[in-house]
Protein backbone atom coordinates (compact mmCIF):
# COMPACT_ATOMS: atom_id res chain seq x y z
CA MET A 1 5.68 34.99 -15.80
CA SER A 2 6.86 36.66 -12.80
CA ALA A 3 10.67 36.19 -11.74
CA GLN A 4 9.15 34.80 -8.41
CA ALA A 5 7.16 32.70 -10.45
CA ALA A 6 9.77 31.36 -12.25
CA PHE A 7 11.80 30.73 -9.13
CA LEU A 8 8.69 28.51 -7.67
CA ASP A 9 8.18 26.53 -10.84
CA GLY A 10 12.27 26.04 -10.84
CA LEU A 11 11.64 24.03 -7.34
CA VAL A 12 9.93 21.04 -8.54
CA GLY A 13 11.79 18.15 -8.33
CA THR A 14 14.78 19.30 -6.41
CA ALA A 15 15.74 17.95 -2.87
CA VAL A 16 17.98 17.47 -0.35
CA SER A 17 18.44 14.07 2.17
CA PHE A 18 20.41 13.25 5.46
CA THR A 19 21.14 10.53 7.49
CA LYS A 20 20.62 10.39 11.69
CA GLN A 21 21.12 7.42 13.98
CA ILE A 22 19.13 8.28 17.04
CA GLY A 23 20.53 7.54 20.38
CA GLU A 24 19.39 7.18 23.92
CA ALA A 25 20.42 11.18 24.10
CA ASP A 26 18.04 12.56 21.35
CA LEU A 27 14.93 10.86 23.28
CA LEU A 28 15.80 12.19 26.50
CA ASP A 29 16.46 15.70 25.34
CA PHE A 30 13.73 15.92 23.10
CA ALA A 31 11.80 14.92 26.32
CA ARG A 32 13.50 17.66 28.58
CA VAL A 33 12.67 20.42 25.76
CA THR A 34 8.92 19.55 25.09
CA GLY A 35 8.14 17.55 28.20
CA ASP A 36 6.97 14.35 25.81
CA SER A 37 8.69 12.38 28.66
CA HIS A 38 5.93 9.43 28.47
CA PRO A 39 7.64 6.25 29.74
CA ASN A 40 7.19 4.73 26.18
CA HIS A 41 10.25 7.21 25.22
CA THR A 42 12.12 7.29 28.59
CA ASP A 43 11.52 3.86 30.37
CA GLU A 44 12.92 0.70 28.71
CA ALA A 45 11.03 -1.63 31.01
CA TYR A 46 7.94 0.00 30.85
CA ALA A 47 8.33 0.34 26.94
CA LEU A 48 9.54 -3.72 26.85
CA ALA A 49 6.53 -4.22 28.95
CA ALA A 50 3.96 -2.70 27.07
CA GLY A 51 5.05 -4.47 23.84
CA LEU A 52 7.34 -1.87 22.10
CA GLY A 53 10.20 -3.76 22.05
CA GLY A 54 12.19 -1.06 24.09
CA ARG A 55 12.17 3.28 24.15
CA VAL A 56 10.59 4.55 21.21
CA ALA A 57 11.30 8.01 19.42
CA GLN A 58 8.38 10.67 19.98
CA GLY A 59 6.80 11.32 16.80
CA SER A 60 7.28 14.77 17.42
CA LEU A 61 11.01 14.08 16.79
CA MET A 62 10.17 12.86 13.66
CA VAL A 63 8.37 16.22 12.37
CA GLY A 64 11.74 18.00 14.15
CA LEU A 65 14.03 15.83 11.22
CA ILE A 66 11.57 17.13 8.58
CA ALA A 67 12.34 20.63 9.74
CA GLY A 68 15.76 19.71 9.79
CA ALA A 69 15.63 18.58 6.35
CA SER A 70 13.79 22.12 5.77
CA THR A 71 16.48 24.02 7.17
CA GLN A 72 18.88 22.22 5.23
CA TYR A 73 16.93 22.57 1.90
CA LEU A 74 17.00 26.34 2.40
CA THR A 75 20.71 26.42 2.97
CA GLN A 76 21.42 24.39 0.27
CA LEU A 77 19.01 26.64 -1.99
CA GLY A 78 20.37 29.86 -0.51
CA ARG A 79 17.04 31.66 -0.53
CA PRO A 80 15.29 32.39 2.84
CA ALA A 81 11.66 31.09 3.45
CA VAL A 82 9.41 30.24 6.19
CA SER A 83 7.38 27.32 7.48
CA TYR A 84 4.05 27.68 7.06
CA GLY A 85 3.30 24.30 8.65
CA TYR A 86 2.87 20.47 7.92
CA ASP A 87 0.31 18.34 6.73
CA ARG A 88 -0.49 14.73 6.19
CA VAL A 89 1.84 13.63 9.07
CA ARG A 90 1.85 10.20 9.74
CA PHE A 91 4.03 7.64 12.18
CA LEU A 92 3.84 4.49 10.11
CA LYS A 93 6.45 2.23 12.27
CA LEU A 94 8.17 2.67 15.63
CA VAL A 95 11.53 4.33 15.94
CA HIS A 96 13.92 2.68 18.39
CA ILE A 97 17.22 3.86 19.83
CA GLY A 98 20.05 3.10 17.62
CA ASP A 99 17.91 3.07 14.29
CA ARG A 100 19.58 4.80 11.38
CA LEU A 101 17.06 6.95 9.51
CA THR A 102 17.19 8.69 6.41
CA VAL A 103 15.05 11.92 5.92
CA ASP A 104 14.32 12.48 1.85
CA TYR A 105 13.04 16.09 1.10
CA ARG A 106 11.45 16.90 -2.33
CA ILE A 107 9.48 19.98 -3.49
CA THR A 108 6.57 18.59 -5.56
CA GLU A 109 4.46 21.31 -5.73
CA ILE A 110 4.00 25.11 -6.35
CA ASP A 111 1.28 27.66 -4.94
CA THR A 112 2.41 30.58 -6.97
CA ALA A 113 -0.26 32.73 -6.16
CA ARG A 114 1.00 31.97 -2.66
CA SER A 115 4.35 31.67 -2.96
CA ASN A 116 4.19 28.55 -1.47
CA ALA A 117 6.40 25.14 -2.04
CA SER A 118 5.11 22.14 -0.66
CA ALA A 119 7.63 19.47 0.09
CA GLN A 120 6.74 15.53 0.67
CA ALA A 121 9.15 14.05 3.44
CA ARG A 122 9.85 10.37 3.89
CA ILE A 123 11.65 9.23 6.78
CA ASN A 124 13.31 5.36 6.17
CA ASN A 125 14.88 3.46 8.55
CA GLN A 126 18.23 1.50 7.91
CA ASN A 127 15.85 -1.31 6.92
CA GLY A 128 14.32 0.66 4.23
CA ASP A 129 10.75 0.43 5.87
CA LEU A 130 8.92 3.73 5.56
CA VAL A 131 8.49 4.95 9.67
CA ALA A 132 7.03 8.41 9.43
CA VAL A 133 5.48 11.03 6.08
CA GLY A 134 4.59 14.44 6.07
CA ILE A 135 4.01 17.54 3.84
CA ASN A 136 5.94 20.28 4.46
CA ILE A 137 4.59 23.73 3.19
CA LEU A 138 7.10 26.79 2.48
CA HIS A 139 6.82 30.36 1.60
CA PHE A 140 8.62 32.26 -0.27
CA THR A 141 8.67 36.20 0.54
């Protein structure tokens, strides 16, 4: 087994986790940067009238939190890699301003031939409800 293969095999089960409270500035800043300024995210009265219970976070902000977990994981690991993308991303429950989210990021699968590692990301709110999931593919050089 090559050193790279042994390194990759040793990653299965390694993980990182962090918690972030979603604030109004997160939604507005994300809308400004991405252009996703739909009233669901930026207009409280609109979101309430739409039956959303108030403004909700952009789904792509949840993907951004997964990217943040990836960065924290690679920093912890001390080894460079690049993200090859995201698979099976699903937004399962609305995220509102004030929700406290925990992002759990765990390496679950290795593709030694491609030097890739797949991480399962799960985002839960303060009530333990699963709000988003996805798989992040990392490529190690």
